[in-house]
Amino acid sequence: MSLGWIAPDLMTVSRIRVLTTTRIGGVSQGPYSSRNLAGHVGDSPAAVAENRRRLVEALALPGEPAWLEQIHGARVLELNGEPPTVPADAAVTRERGVVLAVLTADCLPVVLAASDGSAVAVVHAGWRGMAAGIIEAAVEALAVAPAQLQAWLGPAIGPAAYEVGAEVRDAFVDQDTATAAAFAPGRPDKWQCDLYALARRRLSAAGVETVGGGEFCTYADRERFFSYRRDGQCGRMATLAWLMPNTKE
């Protein structure tokens, strides 16, 4: 694990790269210190541009990541080299060298990869998007048998730090009573929500059997992660996934 990014140990699919950046290694100042990769949070545009340039260079990316305009919805885009043109919270590709990206600072990034290396997806899964079906929509968009997919849950806010109201619990339990196990009673009329458990339940229900990750808490780890719930004004990490370009054997 690099200080600058975290790579899953689960994603063993040949020639697919997956990672989540940390907040370390950029030029942003103040609440965005130091590697904020989001252009919509109030940071200096020049700092964001430099952080993105450094990311491309450090990882030797095959191209500029396809940055999405995320809206906590359930739209999935299929990208084949052209920049995203409409808001979406997930993207899939079957084209090598296209770098998919989602930005998070407590919400859950999910990566889905076909075991044969033919397709990959990234998902921005906050509670609203997850309740709306963004994970299932991404599984469907991949057009791969769910049992042939691997999933990785990147850094998100942990259940000890994620207090929600009854409306959040109801949004899930009204659809699937088994998701009640992902909510622990907290203060009066409040619940501690386990985003990781909710994602695992939805992936399982969609037929995805191989799921890893889910061991971080963005709120608790101030050194490595931005957290909107903790800090309010802050930067964003990126979760990237791409099919590595073809090379001669």
C-alpha atoms as a PDB file:
ATOM      1  CA  MET A   1       0.000   0.000   0.000  1.00  0.00           C
ATOM      2  CA  SER A   2       1.378   3.398  -1.003  1.00  0.00           C
ATOM      3  CA  LEU A   3       0.796   6.492   1.119  1.00  0.00           C
ATOM      4  CA  GLY A   4      -0.667   8.044  -2.021  1.00  0.00           C
ATOM      5  CA  TRP A   5      -3.178   5.336  -2.877  1.00  0.00           C
ATOM      6  CA  ILE A   6      -4.736   2.070  -1.749  1.00  0.00           C
ATOM      7  CA  ALA A   7      -5.010  -0.919  -4.056  1.00  0.00           C
ATOM      8  CA  PRO A   8      -7.266  -3.889  -3.262  1.00  0.00           C
ATOM      9  CA  ASP A   9      -5.783  -7.319  -2.703  1.00  0.00           C
ATOM     10  CA  LEU A  10      -8.962  -8.982  -3.985  1.00  0.00           C
ATOM     11  CA  MET A  11      -8.935  -7.727  -7.554  1.00  0.00           C
ATOM     12  CA  THR A  12      -6.843 -10.464  -9.094  1.00  0.00           C
ATOM     13  CA  VAL A  13      -8.332 -10.032 -12.549  1.00  0.00           C
ATOM     14  CA  SER A  14      -5.524  -9.994 -15.090  1.00  0.00           C
ATOM     15  CA  ARG A  15      -4.696  -6.581 -16.547  1.00  0.00           C
ATOM     16  CA  ILE A  16      -7.284  -4.596 -14.625  1.00  0.00           C
ATOM     17  CA  ARG A  17      -5.994  -1.849 -12.336  1.00  0.00           C
ATOM     18  CA  VAL A  18      -7.966  -0.528  -9.365  1.00  0.00           C
ATOM     19  CA  LEU A  19      -7.056   1.964  -6.649  1.00  0.00           C
ATOM     20  CA  THR A  20      -8.322   4.704  -4.357  1.00  0.00           C
ATOM     21  CA  THR A  21      -6.205   7.778  -3.762  1.00  0.00           C
ATOM     22  CA  THR A  22      -5.544   9.261  -0.330  1.00  0.00           C
ATOM     23  CA  ARG A  23      -5.403  12.948   0.532  1.00  0.00           C
ATOM     24  CA  ILE A  24      -1.591  12.800   0.630  1.00  0.00           C
ATOM     25  CA  GLY A  25       0.686  14.060  -2.120  1.00  0.00           C
ATOM     26  CA  GLY A  26      -0.899  17.146  -3.653  1.00  0.00           C
ATOM     27  CA  VAL A  27      -0.598  20.929  -3.660  1.00  0.00           C
ATOM     28  CA  SER A  28      -3.992  22.041  -2.317  1.00  0.00           C
ATOM     29  CA  GLN A  29      -4.096  24.124   0.854  1.00  0.00           C
ATOM     30  CA  GLY A  30      -6.335  24.550   3.902  1.00  0.00           C
ATOM     31  CA  PRO A  31      -9.313  22.176   4.163  1.00  0.00           C
ATOM     32  CA  TYR A  32      -8.386  20.686   0.768  1.00  0.00           C
ATOM     33  CA  SER A  33      -4.883  19.715   1.835  1.00  0.00           C
ATOM     34  CA  SER A  34      -3.253  18.246   0.056  1.00  0.00           C
ATOM     35  CA  ARG A  35      -4.468  16.121  -2.873  1.00  0.00           C
ATOM     36  CA  ASN A  36      -8.010  17.189  -3.579  1.00  0.00           C
ATOM     37  CA  LEU A  37      -9.130  15.883  -6.964  1.00  0.00           C
ATOM     38  CA  ALA A  38     -12.576  17.514  -7.129  1.00  0.00           C
ATOM     39  CA  GLY A  39     -13.243  20.713  -9.014  1.00  0.00           C
ATOM     40  CA  HIS A  40     -16.638  21.449  -7.454  1.00  0.00           C
ATOM     41  CA  VAL A  41     -15.772  21.907  -3.757  1.00  0.00           C
ATOM     42  CA  GLY A  42     -14.284  25.425  -3.723  1.00  0.00           C
ATOM     43  CA  ASP A  43     -10.605  24.569  -4.113  1.00  0.00           C
ATOM     44  CA  SER A  44      -8.309  26.531  -6.415  1.00  0.00           C
ATOM     45  CA  PRO A  45      -8.840  25.308  -9.997  1.00  0.00           C
ATOM     46  CA  ALA A  46      -5.085  25.528 -10.560  1.00  0.00           C
ATOM     47  CA  ALA A  47      -4.417  23.291  -7.551  1.00  0.00           C
ATOM     48  CA  VAL A  48      -6.978  20.729  -8.693  1.00  0.00           C
ATOM     49  CA  ALA A  49      -5.484  20.711 -12.189  1.00  0.00           C
ATOM     50  CA  GLU A  50      -1.994  20.173 -10.781  1.00  0.00           C
ATOM     51  CA  ASN A  51      -3.202  17.395  -8.464  1.00  0.00           C
ATOM     52  CA  ARG A  52      -4.830  15.641 -11.401  1.00  0.00           C
ATOM     53  CA  ARG A  53      -1.730  16.106 -13.552  1.00  0.00           C
ATOM     54  CA  ARG A  54       0.457  14.598 -10.852  1.00  0.00           C
ATOM     55  CA  LEU A  55      -1.934  11.669 -10.490  1.00  0.00           C
ATOM     56  CA  VAL A  56      -1.810  10.867 -14.195  1.00  0.00           C
ATOM     57  CA  GLU A  57       1.975  11.111 -14.157  1.00  0.00           C
ATOM     58  CA  ALA A  58       2.575   9.115 -10.950  1.00  0.00           C
ATOM     59  CA  LEU A  59       0.372   6.234 -12.067  1.00  0.00           C
ATOM     60  CA  ALA A  60       1.388   6.404 -15.727  1.00  0.00           C
ATOM     61  CA  LEU A  61      -2.301   6.425 -16.580  1.00  0.00           C
ATOM     62  CA  PRO A  62      -3.174   5.672 -20.204  1.00  0.00           C
ATOM     63  CA  GLY A  63      -5.339   8.796 -20.303  1.00  0.00           C
ATOM     64  CA  GLU A  64      -7.107  11.456 -18.271  1.00  0.00           C
ATOM     65  CA  PRO A  65      -9.707   9.913 -15.942  1.00  0.00           C
ATOM     66  CA  ALA A  66     -13.328  10.300 -17.032  1.00  0.00           C
ATOM     67  CA  TRP A  67     -14.530  12.563 -14.211  1.00  0.00           C
ATOM     68  CA  LEU A  68     -18.268  12.217 -13.617  1.00  0.00           C
ATOM     69  CA  GLU A  69     -20.732  14.867 -12.486  1.00  0.00           C
ATOM     70  CA  GLN A  70     -22.166  12.918  -9.555  1.00  0.00           C
ATOM     71  CA  ILE A  71     -25.692  13.595  -8.284  1.00  0.00           C
ATOM     72  CA  HIS A  72     -26.470  10.702  -5.878  1.00  0.00           C
ATOM     73  CA  GLY A  73     -28.643   9.027  -8.477  1.00  0.00           C
ATOM     74  CA  ALA A  74     -28.777   5.688 -10.297  1.00  0.00           C
ATOM     75  CA  ARG A  75     -27.597   6.535 -13.828  1.00  0.00           C
ATOM     76  CA  VAL A  76     -24.759   4.463 -15.298  1.00  0.00           C
ATOM     77  CA  LEU A  77     -22.777   5.595 -18.333  1.00  0.00           C
ATOM     78  CA  GLU A  78     -20.918   3.343 -20.734  1.00  0.00           C
ATOM     79  CA  LEU A  79     -17.691   5.117 -21.667  1.00  0.00           C
ATOM     80  CA  ASN A  80     -15.528   4.289 -24.653  1.00  0.00           C
ATOM     81  CA  GLY A  81     -13.058   7.134 -24.777  1.00  0.00           C
ATOM     82  CA  GLU A  82     -15.324  10.176 -25.002  1.00  0.00           C
ATOM     83  CA  PRO A  83     -15.768  12.395 -21.901  1.00  0.00           C
ATOM     84  CA  PRO A  84     -19.003  12.007 -19.901  1.00  0.00           C
ATOM     85  CA  THR A  85     -21.724  14.320 -21.189  1.00  0.00           C
ATOM     86  CA  VAL A  86     -24.502  13.922 -18.599  1.00  0.00           C
ATOM     87  CA  PRO A  87     -24.584  13.533 -14.812  1.00  0.00           C
ATOM     88  CA  ALA A  88     -24.130   9.970 -13.554  1.00  0.00           C
ATOM     89  CA  ASP A  89     -22.979   8.073 -10.482  1.00  0.00           C
ATOM     90  CA  ALA A  90     -21.409   5.050 -12.152  1.00  0.00           C
ATOM     91  CA  ALA A  91     -19.566   4.211 -15.331  1.00  0.00           C
ATOM     92  CA  VAL A  92     -18.605   1.038 -17.172  1.00  0.00           C
ATOM     93  CA  THR A  93     -16.158   0.388 -19.962  1.00  0.00           C
ATOM     94  CA  ARG A  94     -15.035  -2.474 -22.174  1.00  0.00           C
ATOM     95  CA  GLU A  95     -12.364  -0.410 -23.890  1.00  0.00           C
ATOM     96  CA  ARG A  96      -8.771  -0.735 -22.752  1.00  0.00           C
ATOM     97  CA  GLY A  97      -7.087   2.457 -21.655  1.00  0.00           C
ATOM     98  CA  VAL A  98     -10.293   4.247 -20.579  1.00  0.00           C
ATOM     99  CA  VAL A  99      -9.809   5.311 -16.952  1.00  0.00           C
ATOM    100  CA  LEU A 100     -13.046   5.386 -14.945  1.00  0.00           C
ATOM    101  CA  ALA A 101     -13.268   7.540 -11.822  1.00  0.00           C
ATOM    102  CA  VAL A 102     -15.607   8.434  -8.964  1.00  0.00           C
ATOM    103  CA  LEU A 103     -14.970  11.017  -6.258  1.00  0.00           C
ATOM    104  CA  THR A 104     -15.814  10.425  -2.591  1.00  0.00           C
ATOM    105  CA  ALA A 105     -15.303  11.812   0.907  1.00  0.00           C
ATOM    106  CA  ASP A 106     -17.483   9.424   3.000  1.00  0.00           C
ATOM    107  CA  CYS A 107     -19.707   7.875   0.327  1.00  0.00           C
ATOM    108  CA  LEU A 108     -18.780   4.355  -0.719  1.00  0.00           C
ATOM    109  CA  PRO A 109     -16.820   3.728  -3.932  1.00  0.00           C
ATOM    110  CA  VAL A 110     -17.529   0.302  -5.419  1.00  0.00           C
ATOM    111  CA  VAL A 111     -15.550  -1.344  -8.204  1.00  0.00           C
ATOM    112  CA  LEU A 112     -16.941  -4.252 -10.235  1.00  0.00           C
ATOM    113  CA  ALA A 113     -14.699  -6.247 -12.564  1.00  0.00           C
ATOM    114  CA  ALA A 114     -15.416  -9.134 -14.910  1.00  0.00           C
ATOM    115  CA  SER A 115     -13.308 -12.154 -13.994  1.00  0.00           C
ATOM    116  CA  ASP A 116     -12.203 -12.558 -17.609  1.00  0.00           C
ATOM    117  CA  GLY A 117     -10.912  -8.985 -17.698  1.00  0.00           C
ATOM    118  CA  SER A 118     -13.411  -7.891 -20.339  1.00  0.00           C
ATOM    119  CA  ALA A 119     -15.190  -5.082 -18.459  1.00  0.00           C
ATOM    120  CA  VAL A 120     -14.986  -2.918 -15.361  1.00  0.00           C
ATOM    121  CA  ALA A 121     -17.258  -0.466 -13.546  1.00  0.00           C
ATOM    122  CA  VAL A 122     -16.900   2.150 -10.831  1.00  0.00           C
ATOM    123  CA  VAL A 123     -19.808   3.242  -8.647  1.00  0.00           C
ATOM    124  CA  HIS A 124     -20.398   6.234  -6.356  1.00  0.00           C
ATOM    125  CA  ALA A 125     -22.672   4.696  -3.722  1.00  0.00           C
ATOM    126  CA  GLY A 126     -23.960   7.115  -1.131  1.00  0.00           C
ATOM    127  CA  TRP A 127     -27.057   6.036   0.720  1.00  0.00           C
ATOM    128  CA  ARG A 128     -29.400   7.775  -1.718  1.00  0.00           C
ATOM    129  CA  GLY A 129     -27.816   6.231  -4.779  1.00  0.00           C
ATOM    130  CA  MET A 130     -27.632   2.827  -3.162  1.00  0.00           C
ATOM    131  CA  ALA A 131     -31.303   2.955  -2.156  1.00  0.00           C
ATOM    132  CA  ALA A 132     -32.144   4.023  -5.728  1.00  0.00           C
ATOM    133  CA  GLY A 133     -30.375   0.950  -7.119  1.00  0.00           C
ATOM    134  CA  ILE A 134     -27.062   2.287  -8.427  1.00  0.00           C
ATOM    135  CA  ILE A 135     -25.178  -0.916  -7.581  1.00  0.00           C
ATOM    136  CA  GLU A 136     -27.716  -3.140  -9.313  1.00  0.00           C
ATOM    137  CA  ALA A 137     -27.773  -0.785 -12.301  1.00  0.00           C
ATOM    138  CA  ALA A 138     -24.003  -1.088 -12.647  1.00  0.00           C
ATOM    139  CA  VAL A 139     -24.151  -4.881 -12.426  1.00  0.00           C
ATOM    140  CA  GLU A 140     -26.778  -4.901 -15.178  1.00  0.00           C
ATOM    141  CA  ALA A 141     -24.823  -2.449 -17.359  1.00  0.00           C
ATOM    142  CA  LEU A 142     -21.746  -4.690 -17.276  1.00  0.00           C
ATOM    143  CA  ALA A 143     -23.759  -7.402 -19.060  1.00  0.00           C
ATOM    144  CA  VAL A 144     -21.657 -10.113 -17.376  1.00  0.00           C
ATOM    145  CA  ALA A 145     -23.051 -12.994 -15.337  1.00  0.00           C
ATOM    146  CA  PRO A 146     -23.000 -11.667 -11.741  1.00  0.00           C
ATOM    147  CA  ALA A 147     -21.237 -14.804 -10.499  1.00  0.00           C
ATOM    148  CA  GLN A 148     -18.375 -13.893 -12.850  1.00  0.00           C
ATOM    149  CA  LEU A 149     -17.870 -10.484 -11.220  1.00  0.00           C
ATOM    150  CA  GLN A 150     -15.519  -9.419  -8.447  1.00  0.00           C
ATOM    151  CA  ALA A 151     -16.411  -6.416  -6.288  1.00  0.00           C
ATOM    152  CA  TRP A 152     -14.271  -4.200  -4.098  1.00  0.00           C
ATOM    153  CA  LEU A 153     -15.576  -1.742  -1.509  1.00  0.00           C
ATOM    154  CA  GLY A 154     -13.232   1.229  -1.199  1.00  0.00           C
ATOM    155  CA  PRO A 155     -12.789   3.614   1.743  1.00  0.00           C
ATOM    156  CA  ALA A 156     -16.023   5.036   3.163  1.00  0.00           C
ATOM    157  CA  ILE A 157     -17.372   6.293   6.460  1.00  0.00           C
ATOM    158  CA  GLY A 158     -17.610   3.487   9.018  1.00  0.00           C
ATOM    159  CA  PRO A 159     -20.733   2.584  11.018  1.00  0.00           C
ATOM    160  CA  ALA A 160     -19.405   3.992  14.301  1.00  0.00           C
ATOM    161  CA  ALA A 161     -19.253   7.465  12.730  1.00  0.00           C
ATOM    162  CA  TYR A 162     -22.245   7.391  10.379  1.00  0.00           C
ATOM    163  CA  GLU A 163     -25.345   8.503  12.247  1.00  0.00           C
ATOM    164  CA  VAL A 164     -28.536   8.731  10.175  1.00  0.00           C
ATOM    165  CA  GLY A 165     -32.214   9.383  10.712  1.00  0.00           C
ATOM    166  CA  ALA A 166     -35.091   6.947  10.453  1.00  0.00           C
ATOM    167  CA  GLU A 167     -35.774   8.008   6.867  1.00  0.00           C
ATOM    168  CA  VAL A 168     -32.486   6.464   5.753  1.00  0.00           C
ATOM    169  CA  ARG A 169     -33.196   3.173   7.507  1.00  0.00           C
ATOM    170  CA  ASP A 170     -36.732   3.125   6.118  1.00  0.00           C
ATOM    171  CA  ALA A 171     -35.453   3.686   2.563  1.00  0.00           C
ATOM    172  CA  PHE A 172     -33.662   0.324   2.760  1.00  0.00           C
ATOM    173  CA  VAL A 173     -35.781  -1.744   5.130  1.00  0.00           C
ATOM    174  CA  ASP A 174     -38.961  -0.952   3.205  1.00  0.00           C
ATOM    175  CA  GLN A 175     -37.313  -2.596   0.177  1.00  0.00           C
ATOM    176  CA  ASP A 176     -35.549  -5.455   1.976  1.00  0.00           C
ATOM    177  CA  THR A 177     -36.198  -6.281   5.627  1.00  0.00           C
ATOM    178  CA  ALA A 178     -32.841  -8.090   5.881  1.00  0.00           C
ATOM    179  CA  THR A 179     -31.054  -4.731   5.633  1.00  0.00           C
ATOM    180  CA  ALA A 180     -32.222  -3.927   9.158  1.00  0.00           C
ATOM    181  CA  ALA A 181     -29.067  -5.693  10.312  1.00  0.00           C
ATOM    182  CA  ALA A 182     -27.014  -2.830   8.826  1.00  0.00           C
ATOM    183  CA  PHE A 183     -28.525  -0.324  11.289  1.00  0.00           C
ATOM    184  CA  ALA A 184     -27.686  -0.234  14.993  1.00  0.00           C
ATOM    185  CA  PRO A 185     -29.754   1.866  17.415  1.00  0.00           C
ATOM    186  CA  GLY A 186     -28.013   5.089  18.433  1.00  0.00           C
ATOM    187  CA  ARG A 187     -29.311   8.248  20.031  1.00  0.00           C
ATOM    188  CA  PRO A 188     -33.095   8.714  20.194  1.00  0.00           C
ATOM    189  CA  ASP A 189     -34.518   8.540  16.659  1.00  0.00           C
ATOM    190  CA  LYS A 190     -31.037   7.930  15.228  1.00  0.00           C
ATOM    191  CA  TRP A 191     -29.269   4.918  13.773  1.00  0.00           C
ATOM    192  CA  GLN A 192     -25.659   3.972  13.102  1.00  0.00           C
ATOM    193  CA  CYS A 193     -25.552   2.980   9.437  1.00  0.00           C
ATOM    194  CA  ASP A 194     -23.127   0.420   7.989  1.00  0.00           C
ATOM    195  CA  LEU A 195     -22.708   1.365   4.318  1.00  0.00           C
ATOM    196  CA  TYR A 196     -20.397  -1.596   3.773  1.00  0.00           C
ATOM    197  CA  ALA A 197     -23.013  -4.057   5.046  1.00  0.00           C
ATOM    198  CA  LEU A 198     -25.695  -2.462   2.873  1.00  0.00           C
ATOM    199  CA  ALA A 199     -23.483  -2.748  -0.217  1.00  0.00           C
ATOM    200  CA  ARG A 200     -22.636  -6.387   0.517  1.00  0.00           C
ATOM    201  CA  ARG A 201     -26.329  -7.183   0.901  1.00  0.00           C
ATOM    202  CA  ARG A 202     -27.236  -5.511  -2.385  1.00  0.00           C
ATOM    203  CA  LEU A 203     -24.351  -7.149  -4.216  1.00  0.00           C
ATOM    204  CA  SER A 204     -25.335 -10.546  -2.848  1.00  0.00           C
ATOM    205  CA  ALA A 205     -28.951 -10.028  -3.865  1.00  0.00           C
ATOM    206  CA  ALA A 206     -27.707  -9.108  -7.368  1.00  0.00           C
ATOM    207  CA  GLY A 207     -25.747 -12.364  -7.561  1.00  0.00           C
ATOM    208  CA  VAL A 208     -22.217 -11.023  -6.979  1.00  0.00           C
ATOM    209  CA  GLU A 209     -20.481 -13.600  -4.793  1.00  0.00           C
ATOM    210  CA  THR A 210     -16.902 -12.325  -4.519  1.00  0.00           C
ATOM    211  CA  VAL A 211     -16.693  -9.114  -2.500  1.00  0.00           C
ATOM    212  CA  GLY A 212     -13.662  -7.625  -0.742  1.00  0.00           C
ATOM    213  CA  GLY A 213     -12.665  -4.414   0.977  1.00  0.00           C
ATOM    214  CA  GLY A 214     -14.719  -2.504   3.496  1.00  0.00           C
ATOM    215  CA  GLU A 215     -12.100  -2.202   6.222  1.00  0.00           C
ATOM    216  CA  PHE A 216     -11.551   1.587   6.291  1.00  0.00           C
ATOM    217  CA  CYS A 217     -13.291   4.553   7.902  1.00  0.00           C
ATOM    218  CA  THR A 218     -12.794   7.903   6.206  1.00  0.00           C
ATOM    219  CA  TYR A 219     -14.109   9.767   9.263  1.00  0.00           C
ATOM    220  CA  ALA A 220     -11.681   8.120  11.686  1.00  0.00           C
ATOM    221  CA  ASP A 221      -8.550   8.309   9.519  1.00  0.00           C
ATOM    222  CA  ARG A 222      -7.912  12.049   9.269  1.00  0.00           C
ATOM    223  CA  GLU A 223      -4.349  11.600   7.995  1.00  0.00           C
ATOM    224  CA  ARG A 224      -5.259   9.652   4.863  1.00  0.00           C
ATOM    225  CA  PHE A 225      -8.849  10.530   4.028  1.00  0.00           C
ATOM    226  CA  PHE A 226     -11.122  13.496   3.471  1.00  0.00           C
ATOM    227  CA  SER A 227     -14.442  13.242   5.331  1.00  0.00           C
ATOM    228  CA  TYR A 228     -17.393  15.508   4.625  1.00  0.00           C
ATOM    229  CA  ARG A 229     -19.191  14.339   7.758  1.00  0.00           C
ATOM    230  CA  ARG A 230     -16.146  15.149   9.887  1.00  0.00           C
ATOM    231  CA  ASP A 231     -14.978  18.413   8.304  1.00  0.00           C
ATOM    232  CA  GLY A 232     -17.746  19.825   6.120  1.00  0.00           C
ATOM    233  CA  GLN A 233     -15.577  21.799   3.706  1.00  0.00           C
ATOM    234  CA  CYS A 234     -13.036  19.327   2.347  1.00  0.00           C
ATOM    235  CA  GLY A 235     -11.556  17.707  -0.737  1.00  0.00           C
ATOM    236  CA  ARG A 236     -12.337  14.411  -2.408  1.00  0.00           C
ATOM    237  CA  MET A 237     -10.425  11.191  -3.054  1.00  0.00           C
ATOM    238  CA  ALA A 238     -10.733   9.344  -6.361  1.00  0.00           C
ATOM    239  CA  THR A 239     -11.355   5.675  -7.004  1.00  0.00           C
ATOM    240  CA  LEU A 240      -9.983   4.693 -10.404  1.00  0.00           C
ATOM    241  CA  ALA A 241     -10.340   1.544 -12.496  1.00  0.00           C
ATOM    242  CA  TRP A 242      -9.171   0.737 -15.989  1.00  0.00           C
ATOM    243  CA  LEU A 243      -8.491  -2.130 -18.364  1.00  0.00           C
ATOM    244  CA  MET A 244      -4.789  -1.979 -19.112  1.00  0.00           C
ATOM    245  CA  PRO A 245      -3.924  -1.332 -22.753  1.00  0.00           C
ATOM    246  CA  ASN A 246      -2.973  -4.267 -24.929  1.00  0.00           C
ATOM    247  CA  THR A 247       0.740  -4.966 -25.158  1.00  0.00           C
ATOM    248  CA  LYS A 248       2.726  -7.477 -27.147  1.00  0.00           C
ATOM    249  CA  GLU A 249       3.249 -10.746 -25.306  1.00  0.00           C
END
